[in-house]
């Protein structure tokens, strides 16, 4: 887990820091705002904030949570699964998603990283492609509402 504060953009008011239990309410609210159909249930969120194998980082602006990323590290498989990444809608398109992804990846120390994304979320897919992710699978009707999931993978080395 990181201890230092990472400025997103020099001079920016947004910083990336470790997330903790005390952030649960704000994270759940952000998840519901970003993923109205797919926000995590309470028990899943407890797991994300409690399991020692999960890297969890938040983006804060003036002590307000505006972004979150969590990755489940599976050392026995030399891989990690980015379980969620979300940015407040008012701050999208400013590089915050990229900063969260980069900060998370820097903490993973595995050979492969995977994630799933709604097939219609082209802006997220483009972001992942810029970071070297490639589509490896499609999960049919995975998301609520019947939308497919695009499964992407990045081989780190």
N, C-alpha and C. Protein backbone atom coordinates (compact mmCIF):
# COMPACT_ATOMS: atom_id res chain seq x y z
N UNK A 1 0.84 -1.18 0.00
CA UNK A 1 0.00 0.00 0.00
C UNK A 1 0.89 1.24 0.00
N UNK A 2 0.44 2.28 -0.64
CA UNK A 2 1.25 3.48 -0.69
C UNK A 2 0.99 4.34 0.54
N UNK A 3 2.01 5.03 0.94
CA UNK A 3 1.88 5.95 2.07
C UNK A 3 1.96 7.39 1.60
N UNK A 4 2.57 7.59 0.44
CA UNK A 4 2.76 8.94 -0.05
C UNK A 4 1.52 9.45 -0.77
N UNK A 5 1.44 10.74 -0.88
CA UNK A 5 0.37 11.39 -1.64
C UNK A 5 0.89 11.61 -3.05
N UNK A 6 0.09 11.25 -4.03
CA UNK A 6 0.49 11.38 -5.43
C UNK A 6 -0.37 12.44 -6.08
N UNK A 7 0.22 13.62 -6.44
CA UNK A 7 -0.58 14.61 -7.15
C UNK A 7 -0.93 14.10 -8.54
N UNK A 8 -2.16 14.28 -8.96
CA UNK A 8 -2.62 13.80 -10.26
C UNK A 8 -1.97 14.61 -11.38
N UNK A 9 -2.03 15.90 -11.26
CA UNK A 9 -1.42 16.81 -12.22
C UNK A 9 -0.72 17.87 -11.39
N UNK A 10 0.52 18.23 -11.73
CA UNK A 10 1.19 19.28 -10.95
C UNK A 10 0.29 20.50 -10.81
N UNK A 11 0.14 20.96 -9.60
CA UNK A 11 -0.72 22.11 -9.32
C UNK A 11 -2.18 21.75 -9.12
N UNK A 12 -2.53 20.49 -9.35
CA UNK A 12 -3.91 20.04 -9.21
C UNK A 12 -4.29 19.93 -7.73
N UNK A 13 -5.57 20.04 -7.46
CA UNK A 13 -6.09 19.85 -6.12
C UNK A 13 -6.45 18.39 -5.85
N UNK A 14 -6.33 17.52 -6.87
CA UNK A 14 -6.68 16.12 -6.74
C UNK A 14 -5.43 15.33 -6.38
N UNK A 15 -5.55 14.47 -5.34
CA UNK A 15 -4.45 13.63 -4.91
C UNK A 15 -4.94 12.18 -4.82
N UNK A 16 -4.02 11.24 -5.05
CA UNK A 16 -4.34 9.82 -4.94
C UNK A 16 -3.66 9.29 -3.69
N UNK A 17 -4.47 8.71 -2.82
CA UNK A 17 -4.00 8.19 -1.53
C UNK A 17 -4.67 6.85 -1.26
N UNK A 18 -4.14 6.07 -0.31
CA UNK A 18 -4.79 4.79 0.02
C UNK A 18 -6.21 5.00 0.53
N UNK A 19 -7.09 4.10 0.18
CA UNK A 19 -8.47 4.11 0.69
C UNK A 19 -8.54 3.18 1.91
N UNK A 20 -9.47 3.48 2.80
CA UNK A 20 -9.61 2.71 4.04
C UNK A 20 -11.10 2.57 4.39
N UNK A 21 -11.34 1.85 5.48
CA UNK A 21 -12.70 1.62 5.97
C UNK A 21 -13.52 2.89 6.07
N UNK A 22 -12.92 3.94 6.57
CA UNK A 22 -13.67 5.19 6.81
C UNK A 22 -14.21 5.80 5.51
N UNK A 23 -13.72 5.29 4.37
CA UNK A 23 -14.17 5.80 3.07
C UNK A 23 -15.38 5.05 2.52
N UNK A 24 -15.85 4.03 3.23
CA UNK A 24 -16.89 3.17 2.68
C UNK A 24 -18.11 3.94 2.20
N UNK A 25 -18.65 4.83 2.98
CA UNK A 25 -19.85 5.56 2.58
C UNK A 25 -19.63 6.37 1.31
N UNK A 26 -18.51 7.07 1.25
CA UNK A 26 -18.22 7.89 0.07
C UNK A 26 -17.96 7.03 -1.16
N UNK A 27 -17.29 5.89 -0.97
CA UNK A 27 -17.02 5.00 -2.11
C UNK A 27 -18.32 4.40 -2.62
N UNK A 28 -19.18 3.97 -1.72
CA UNK A 28 -20.47 3.41 -2.15
C UNK A 28 -21.30 4.45 -2.90
N UNK A 29 -21.29 5.68 -2.42
CA UNK A 29 -22.03 6.75 -3.09
C UNK A 29 -21.46 7.00 -4.49
N UNK A 30 -20.13 7.02 -4.61
CA UNK A 30 -19.51 7.23 -5.92
C UNK A 30 -19.81 6.06 -6.85
N UNK A 31 -19.74 4.83 -6.35
CA UNK A 31 -20.07 3.65 -7.16
C UNK A 31 -21.50 3.74 -7.70
N UNK A 32 -22.44 4.13 -6.85
CA UNK A 32 -23.84 4.24 -7.29
C UNK A 32 -24.00 5.34 -8.34
N UNK A 33 -23.24 6.42 -8.19
CA UNK A 33 -23.30 7.52 -9.15
C UNK A 33 -22.71 7.09 -10.50
N UNK A 34 -21.58 6.38 -10.46
CA UNK A 34 -20.88 5.98 -11.68
C UNK A 34 -21.49 4.76 -12.35
N UNK A 35 -22.00 3.84 -11.53
CA UNK A 35 -22.52 2.57 -12.04
C UNK A 35 -23.92 2.33 -11.48
N UNK A 36 -24.92 3.08 -11.94
CA UNK A 36 -26.25 2.97 -11.35
C UNK A 36 -26.83 1.55 -11.42
N UNK A 37 -26.49 0.79 -12.44
CA UNK A 37 -27.01 -0.57 -12.55
C UNK A 37 -26.09 -1.60 -11.88
N UNK A 38 -24.82 -1.28 -11.76
CA UNK A 38 -23.84 -2.28 -11.36
C UNK A 38 -23.07 -1.95 -10.09
N UNK A 39 -23.51 -0.99 -9.30
CA UNK A 39 -22.79 -0.65 -8.08
C UNK A 39 -22.68 -1.87 -7.17
N UNK A 40 -21.56 -1.97 -6.51
CA UNK A 40 -21.31 -3.13 -5.65
C UNK A 40 -22.22 -3.15 -4.45
N UNK A 41 -22.70 -4.33 -4.07
CA UNK A 41 -23.46 -4.47 -2.83
C UNK A 41 -22.54 -4.26 -1.62
N UNK A 42 -23.15 -4.00 -0.49
CA UNK A 42 -22.40 -3.71 0.73
C UNK A 42 -21.38 -4.80 1.08
N UNK A 43 -21.77 -6.06 1.02
CA UNK A 43 -20.84 -7.12 1.40
C UNK A 43 -19.62 -7.18 0.48
N UNK A 44 -19.80 -6.96 -0.79
CA UNK A 44 -18.67 -6.93 -1.71
C UNK A 44 -17.75 -5.75 -1.39
N UNK A 45 -18.34 -4.62 -1.07
CA UNK A 45 -17.53 -3.44 -0.74
C UNK A 45 -16.74 -3.67 0.55
N UNK A 46 -17.35 -4.34 1.52
CA UNK A 46 -16.62 -4.67 2.75
C UNK A 46 -15.39 -5.51 2.40
N UNK A 47 -15.57 -6.51 1.52
CA UNK A 47 -14.44 -7.34 1.10
C UNK A 47 -13.34 -6.53 0.44
N UNK A 48 -13.72 -5.62 -0.44
CA UNK A 48 -12.73 -4.78 -1.14
C UNK A 48 -11.94 -3.94 -0.15
N UNK A 49 -12.59 -3.47 0.89
CA UNK A 49 -11.91 -2.61 1.86
C UNK A 49 -11.22 -3.38 2.98
N UNK A 50 -11.46 -4.69 3.07
CA UNK A 50 -10.90 -5.46 4.18
C UNK A 50 -9.84 -6.47 3.77
N UNK A 51 -9.98 -7.08 2.62
CA UNK A 51 -9.05 -8.14 2.23
C UNK A 51 -7.64 -7.60 2.02
N UNK A 52 -6.65 -8.26 2.61
CA UNK A 52 -5.27 -7.76 2.48
C UNK A 52 -4.70 -7.87 1.07
N UNK A 53 -5.29 -8.69 0.22
CA UNK A 53 -4.76 -8.87 -1.14
C UNK A 53 -5.24 -7.79 -2.10
N UNK A 54 -6.05 -6.86 -1.64
CA UNK A 54 -6.63 -5.85 -2.53
C UNK A 54 -5.85 -4.53 -2.42
N UNK A 55 -5.44 -4.01 -3.56
CA UNK A 55 -4.88 -2.67 -3.65
C UNK A 55 -6.06 -1.73 -3.83
N UNK A 56 -6.19 -0.73 -2.98
CA UNK A 56 -7.32 0.20 -3.06
C UNK A 56 -6.82 1.63 -2.88
N UNK A 57 -7.13 2.45 -3.86
CA UNK A 57 -6.70 3.84 -3.87
C UNK A 57 -7.89 4.74 -4.15
N UNK A 58 -7.83 5.91 -3.58
CA UNK A 58 -8.90 6.89 -3.82
C UNK A 58 -8.27 8.18 -4.32
N UNK A 59 -9.05 8.91 -5.10
CA UNK A 59 -8.67 10.25 -5.53
C UNK A 59 -9.52 11.23 -4.73
N UNK A 60 -8.85 12.20 -4.16
CA UNK A 60 -9.55 13.21 -3.36
C UNK A 60 -9.28 14.61 -3.89
N UNK A 61 -10.31 15.41 -3.85
CA UNK A 61 -10.19 16.83 -4.17
C UNK A 61 -10.78 17.59 -3.00
N UNK A 62 -9.95 18.37 -2.34
CA UNK A 62 -10.39 19.11 -1.14
C UNK A 62 -11.07 18.17 -0.14
N UNK A 63 -10.47 17.02 0.10
CA UNK A 63 -10.94 16.00 1.04
C UNK A 63 -12.27 15.37 0.64
N UNK A 64 -12.66 15.52 -0.61
CA UNK A 64 -13.88 14.89 -1.13
C UNK A 64 -13.46 13.79 -2.09
N UNK A 65 -13.99 12.59 -1.90
CA UNK A 65 -13.65 11.46 -2.74
C UNK A 65 -14.25 11.66 -4.14
N UNK A 66 -13.38 11.64 -5.16
CA UNK A 66 -13.84 11.87 -6.54
C UNK A 66 -13.43 10.74 -7.48
N UNK A 67 -12.71 9.74 -6.95
CA UNK A 67 -12.32 8.60 -7.78
C UNK A 67 -11.88 7.45 -6.89
N UNK A 68 -11.96 6.25 -7.44
CA UNK A 68 -11.61 5.05 -6.67
C UNK A 68 -11.20 3.94 -7.62
N UNK A 69 -10.21 3.17 -7.21
CA UNK A 69 -9.79 1.99 -7.96
C UNK A 69 -9.44 0.90 -6.95
N UNK A 70 -9.78 -0.34 -7.30
CA UNK A 70 -9.43 -1.49 -6.47
C UNK A 70 -9.02 -2.64 -7.36
N UNK A 71 -7.94 -3.31 -6.98
CA UNK A 71 -7.45 -4.47 -7.73
C UNK A 71 -7.17 -5.61 -6.78
N UNK A 72 -7.69 -6.77 -7.13
CA UNK A 72 -7.49 -7.99 -6.36
C UNK A 72 -6.24 -8.69 -6.88
N UNK A 73 -5.21 -8.75 -6.05
CA UNK A 73 -3.95 -9.37 -6.44
C UNK A 73 -4.02 -10.86 -6.15
N UNK A 74 -3.75 -11.67 -7.16
CA UNK A 74 -3.77 -13.13 -7.04
C UNK A 74 -2.37 -13.65 -7.30
N UNK A 75 -1.55 -13.60 -6.26
CA UNK A 75 -0.13 -13.94 -6.38
C UNK A 75 0.08 -15.35 -6.92
N UNK A 76 -0.74 -16.31 -6.51
CA UNK A 76 -0.55 -17.70 -6.95
C UNK A 76 -0.71 -17.83 -8.47
N UNK A 77 -1.41 -16.89 -9.08
CA UNK A 77 -1.60 -16.90 -10.54
C UNK A 77 -0.76 -15.82 -11.23
N UNK A 78 0.04 -15.08 -10.45
CA UNK A 78 0.87 -14.00 -10.97
C UNK A 78 0.04 -13.00 -11.78
N UNK A 79 -1.15 -12.68 -11.24
CA UNK A 79 -2.03 -11.74 -11.94
C UNK A 79 -2.86 -10.95 -10.94
N UNK A 80 -3.45 -9.90 -11.45
CA UNK A 80 -4.36 -9.08 -10.66
C UNK A 80 -5.59 -8.78 -11.50
N UNK A 81 -6.69 -8.56 -10.83
CA UNK A 81 -7.95 -8.23 -11.48
C UNK A 81 -8.38 -6.86 -10.98
N UNK A 82 -8.47 -5.90 -11.89
CA UNK A 82 -8.98 -4.58 -11.50
C UNK A 82 -10.48 -4.72 -11.39
N UNK A 83 -10.95 -4.69 -10.16
CA UNK A 83 -12.35 -4.96 -9.87
C UNK A 83 -13.25 -3.76 -10.12
N UNK A 84 -12.71 -2.58 -9.90
CA UNK A 84 -13.50 -1.37 -10.13
C UNK A 84 -12.57 -0.18 -10.31
N UNK A 85 -12.99 0.72 -11.16
CA UNK A 85 -12.34 2.02 -11.31
C UNK A 85 -13.44 3.00 -11.68
N UNK A 86 -13.54 4.05 -10.90
CA UNK A 86 -14.61 5.02 -11.17
C UNK A 86 -14.12 6.44 -10.89
N UNK A 87 -14.64 7.36 -11.66
CA UNK A 87 -14.32 8.78 -11.54
C UNK A 87 -15.63 9.55 -11.53
N UNK A 88 -15.75 10.49 -10.62
CA UNK A 88 -16.95 11.33 -10.55
C UNK A 88 -17.24 11.91 -11.93
N UNK A 89 -18.49 11.84 -12.38
CA UNK A 89 -18.83 12.34 -13.73
C UNK A 89 -18.39 13.77 -13.99
N UNK A 90 -18.38 14.64 -12.99
CA UNK A 90 -17.97 16.04 -13.18
C UNK A 90 -16.48 16.18 -13.49
N UNK A 91 -15.68 15.14 -13.21
CA UNK A 91 -14.23 15.24 -13.39
C UNK A 91 -13.71 14.33 -14.50
N UNK A 92 -14.58 13.71 -15.24
CA UNK A 92 -14.14 12.83 -16.31
C UNK A 92 -13.50 13.62 -17.44
N UNK A 93 -12.59 12.97 -18.15
CA UNK A 93 -11.93 13.61 -19.28
C UNK A 93 -10.77 14.50 -18.89
N UNK A 94 -10.35 14.46 -17.63
CA UNK A 94 -9.26 15.30 -17.16
C UNK A 94 -8.02 14.49 -16.78
N UNK A 95 -8.02 13.19 -17.06
CA UNK A 95 -6.85 12.38 -16.76
C UNK A 95 -6.89 11.66 -15.43
N UNK A 96 -7.97 11.82 -14.70
CA UNK A 96 -8.04 11.20 -13.37
C UNK A 96 -8.14 9.67 -13.46
N UNK A 97 -8.90 9.14 -14.41
CA UNK A 97 -8.98 7.70 -14.58
C UNK A 97 -7.62 7.11 -14.91
N UNK A 98 -6.89 7.79 -15.80
CA UNK A 98 -5.54 7.34 -16.16
C UNK A 98 -4.61 7.39 -14.95
N UNK A 99 -4.72 8.44 -14.15
CA UNK A 99 -3.87 8.56 -12.96
C UNK A 99 -4.18 7.46 -11.95
N UNK A 100 -5.45 7.16 -11.75
CA UNK A 100 -5.83 6.07 -10.85
C UNK A 100 -5.31 4.72 -11.36
N UNK A 101 -5.47 4.48 -12.65
CA UNK A 101 -5.02 3.22 -13.24
C UNK A 101 -3.51 3.09 -13.11
N UNK A 102 -2.79 4.14 -13.41
CA UNK A 102 -1.33 4.12 -13.33
C UNK A 102 -0.86 3.89 -11.89
N UNK A 103 -1.47 4.58 -10.93
CA UNK A 103 -1.09 4.41 -9.53
C UNK A 103 -1.37 3.00 -9.05
N UNK A 104 -2.49 2.45 -9.47
CA UNK A 104 -2.85 1.09 -9.08
C UNK A 104 -1.88 0.08 -9.68
N UNK A 105 -1.64 0.19 -10.98
CA UNK A 105 -0.73 -0.73 -11.64
C UNK A 105 0.66 -0.71 -11.00
N UNK A 106 1.10 0.45 -10.55
CA UNK A 106 2.43 0.57 -9.94
C UNK A 106 2.55 -0.23 -8.65
N UNK A 107 1.42 -0.57 -8.04
CA UNK A 107 1.42 -1.32 -6.78
C UNK A 107 1.21 -2.81 -6.97
N UNK A 108 1.01 -3.28 -8.19
CA UNK A 108 0.58 -4.66 -8.39
C UNK A 108 1.70 -5.69 -8.42
N UNK A 109 2.80 -5.45 -9.07
CA UNK A 109 3.93 -6.38 -9.10
C UNK A 109 3.51 -7.80 -9.51
N UNK A 110 2.80 -7.90 -10.63
CA UNK A 110 2.37 -9.18 -11.19
C UNK A 110 2.66 -9.18 -12.69
N UNK A 111 2.56 -10.34 -13.31
CA UNK A 111 2.86 -10.46 -14.73
C UNK A 111 1.71 -10.12 -15.66
N UNK A 112 0.48 -10.10 -15.10
CA UNK A 112 -0.69 -9.89 -15.94
C UNK A 112 -1.77 -9.17 -15.13
N UNK A 113 -2.47 -8.26 -15.80
CA UNK A 113 -3.58 -7.54 -15.18
C UNK A 113 -4.79 -7.69 -16.09
N UNK A 114 -5.95 -7.98 -15.49
CA UNK A 114 -7.18 -8.15 -16.26
C UNK A 114 -8.27 -7.25 -15.68
N UNK A 115 -9.28 -7.00 -16.50
CA UNK A 115 -10.44 -6.22 -16.06
C UNK A 115 -11.58 -6.50 -17.02
N UNK A 116 -12.77 -6.12 -16.60
CA UNK A 116 -13.93 -6.19 -17.49
C UNK A 116 -14.57 -4.81 -17.53
N UNK A 117 -15.21 -4.52 -18.66
CA UNK A 117 -15.82 -3.21 -18.88
C UNK A 117 -17.05 -3.41 -19.76
N UNK A 118 -18.08 -2.60 -19.53
CA UNK A 118 -19.25 -2.67 -20.40
C UNK A 118 -18.81 -2.45 -21.84
N UNK A 119 -19.31 -3.26 -22.74
CA UNK A 119 -18.93 -3.18 -24.15
C UNK A 119 -19.23 -1.80 -24.75
N UNK A 120 -20.21 -1.09 -24.20
CA UNK A 120 -20.58 0.22 -24.72
C UNK A 120 -19.73 1.36 -24.15
N UNK A 121 -18.88 1.08 -23.17
CA UNK A 121 -18.09 2.13 -22.51
C UNK A 121 -16.81 2.39 -23.30
N UNK A 122 -16.96 3.01 -24.45
CA UNK A 122 -15.84 3.19 -25.37
C UNK A 122 -14.75 4.08 -24.78
N UNK A 123 -15.10 5.07 -23.99
CA UNK A 123 -14.06 5.94 -23.42
C UNK A 123 -13.17 5.14 -22.47
N UNK A 124 -13.74 4.25 -21.67
CA UNK A 124 -12.93 3.41 -20.78
C UNK A 124 -12.10 2.42 -21.59
N UNK A 125 -12.69 1.82 -22.60
CA UNK A 125 -11.96 0.88 -23.45
C UNK A 125 -10.77 1.57 -24.11
N UNK A 126 -10.97 2.80 -24.59
CA UNK A 126 -9.87 3.55 -25.19
C UNK A 126 -8.77 3.83 -24.17
N UNK A 127 -9.14 4.16 -22.95
CA UNK A 127 -8.16 4.38 -21.89
C UNK A 127 -7.34 3.11 -21.67
N UNK A 128 -8.00 1.98 -21.53
CA UNK A 128 -7.30 0.73 -21.27
C UNK A 128 -6.38 0.37 -22.44
N UNK A 129 -6.82 0.61 -23.66
CA UNK A 129 -5.97 0.35 -24.81
C UNK A 129 -4.72 1.21 -24.78
N UNK A 130 -4.87 2.49 -24.39
CA UNK A 130 -3.69 3.37 -24.28
C UNK A 130 -2.70 2.83 -23.26
N UNK A 131 -3.18 2.11 -22.27
CA UNK A 131 -2.31 1.53 -21.24
C UNK A 131 -1.81 0.13 -21.62
N UNK A 132 -2.13 -0.33 -22.82
CA UNK A 132 -1.60 -1.60 -23.29
C UNK A 132 -2.50 -2.80 -23.08
N UNK A 133 -3.74 -2.58 -22.70
CA UNK A 133 -4.69 -3.70 -22.53
C UNK A 133 -5.23 -4.09 -23.90
N UNK A 134 -5.49 -5.38 -24.05
CA UNK A 134 -6.08 -5.91 -25.27
C UNK A 134 -7.29 -6.76 -24.91
N UNK A 135 -8.28 -6.75 -25.79
CA UNK A 135 -9.46 -7.58 -25.55
C UNK A 135 -9.08 -9.05 -25.68
N UNK A 136 -9.48 -9.85 -24.68
CA UNK A 136 -9.18 -11.30 -24.70
C UNK A 136 -10.43 -12.15 -24.64
N UNK A 137 -11.57 -11.54 -24.34
CA UNK A 137 -12.80 -12.33 -24.22
C UNK A 137 -13.99 -11.40 -24.21
N UNK A 138 -15.16 -11.99 -24.39
CA UNK A 138 -16.43 -11.29 -24.22
C UNK A 138 -17.31 -12.17 -23.36
N UNK A 139 -17.86 -11.60 -22.31
CA UNK A 139 -18.81 -12.32 -21.47
C UNK A 139 -20.20 -11.85 -21.87
N UNK A 140 -20.94 -12.71 -22.50
CA UNK A 140 -22.26 -12.35 -23.00
C UNK A 140 -23.22 -12.06 -21.85
N UNK A 141 -23.97 -10.97 -22.01
CA UNK A 141 -25.04 -10.58 -21.08
C UNK A 141 -24.57 -10.57 -19.63
N UNK A 142 -23.35 -10.13 -19.39
CA UNK A 142 -22.74 -10.15 -18.06
C UNK A 142 -23.34 -9.09 -17.12
N UNK A 143 -23.55 -7.90 -17.65
CA UNK A 143 -24.02 -6.79 -16.81
C UNK A 143 -25.53 -6.75 -16.74
N UNK A 144 -26.03 -6.10 -15.69
CA UNK A 144 -27.47 -5.90 -15.56
C UNK A 144 -27.96 -5.17 -16.81
N UNK A 145 -29.12 -5.54 -17.25
CA UNK A 145 -29.65 -4.98 -18.49
C UNK A 145 -29.25 -5.80 -19.69
N UNK A 146 -28.43 -6.84 -19.48
CA UNK A 146 -28.07 -7.76 -20.55
C UNK A 146 -26.88 -7.36 -21.40
N UNK A 147 -26.18 -6.31 -21.02
CA UNK A 147 -25.03 -5.88 -21.83
C UNK A 147 -23.84 -6.81 -21.65
N UNK A 148 -23.09 -7.00 -22.73
CA UNK A 148 -21.88 -7.82 -22.70
C UNK A 148 -20.76 -7.09 -21.96
N UNK A 149 -19.85 -7.89 -21.41
CA UNK A 149 -18.62 -7.38 -20.81
C UNK A 149 -17.47 -7.64 -21.78
N UNK A 150 -16.67 -6.65 -22.01
CA UNK A 150 -15.43 -6.82 -22.76
C UNK A 150 -14.35 -7.10 -21.72
N UNK A 151 -13.69 -8.24 -21.82
CA UNK A 151 -12.62 -8.61 -20.90
C UNK A 151 -11.30 -8.22 -21.55
N UNK A 152 -10.49 -7.47 -20.80
CA UNK A 152 -9.23 -6.98 -21.33
C UNK A 152 -8.09 -7.43 -20.44
N UNK A 153 -6.91 -7.54 -21.05
CA UNK A 153 -5.75 -8.06 -20.34
C UNK A 153 -4.52 -7.29 -20.77
N UNK A 154 -3.62 -7.11 -19.81
CA UNK A 154 -2.33 -6.48 -20.08
C UNK A 154 -1.25 -7.39 -19.53
N UNK A 155 -0.31 -7.78 -20.38
CA UNK A 155 0.83 -8.55 -19.93
C UNK A 155 1.92 -7.55 -19.55
N UNK A 156 2.35 -7.63 -18.29
CA UNK A 156 3.29 -6.64 -17.78
C UNK A 156 4.72 -7.02 -18.12
N UNK A 157 5.07 -8.25 -18.08
CA UNK A 157 6.37 -8.81 -18.50
C UNK A 157 6.80 -9.94 -17.63
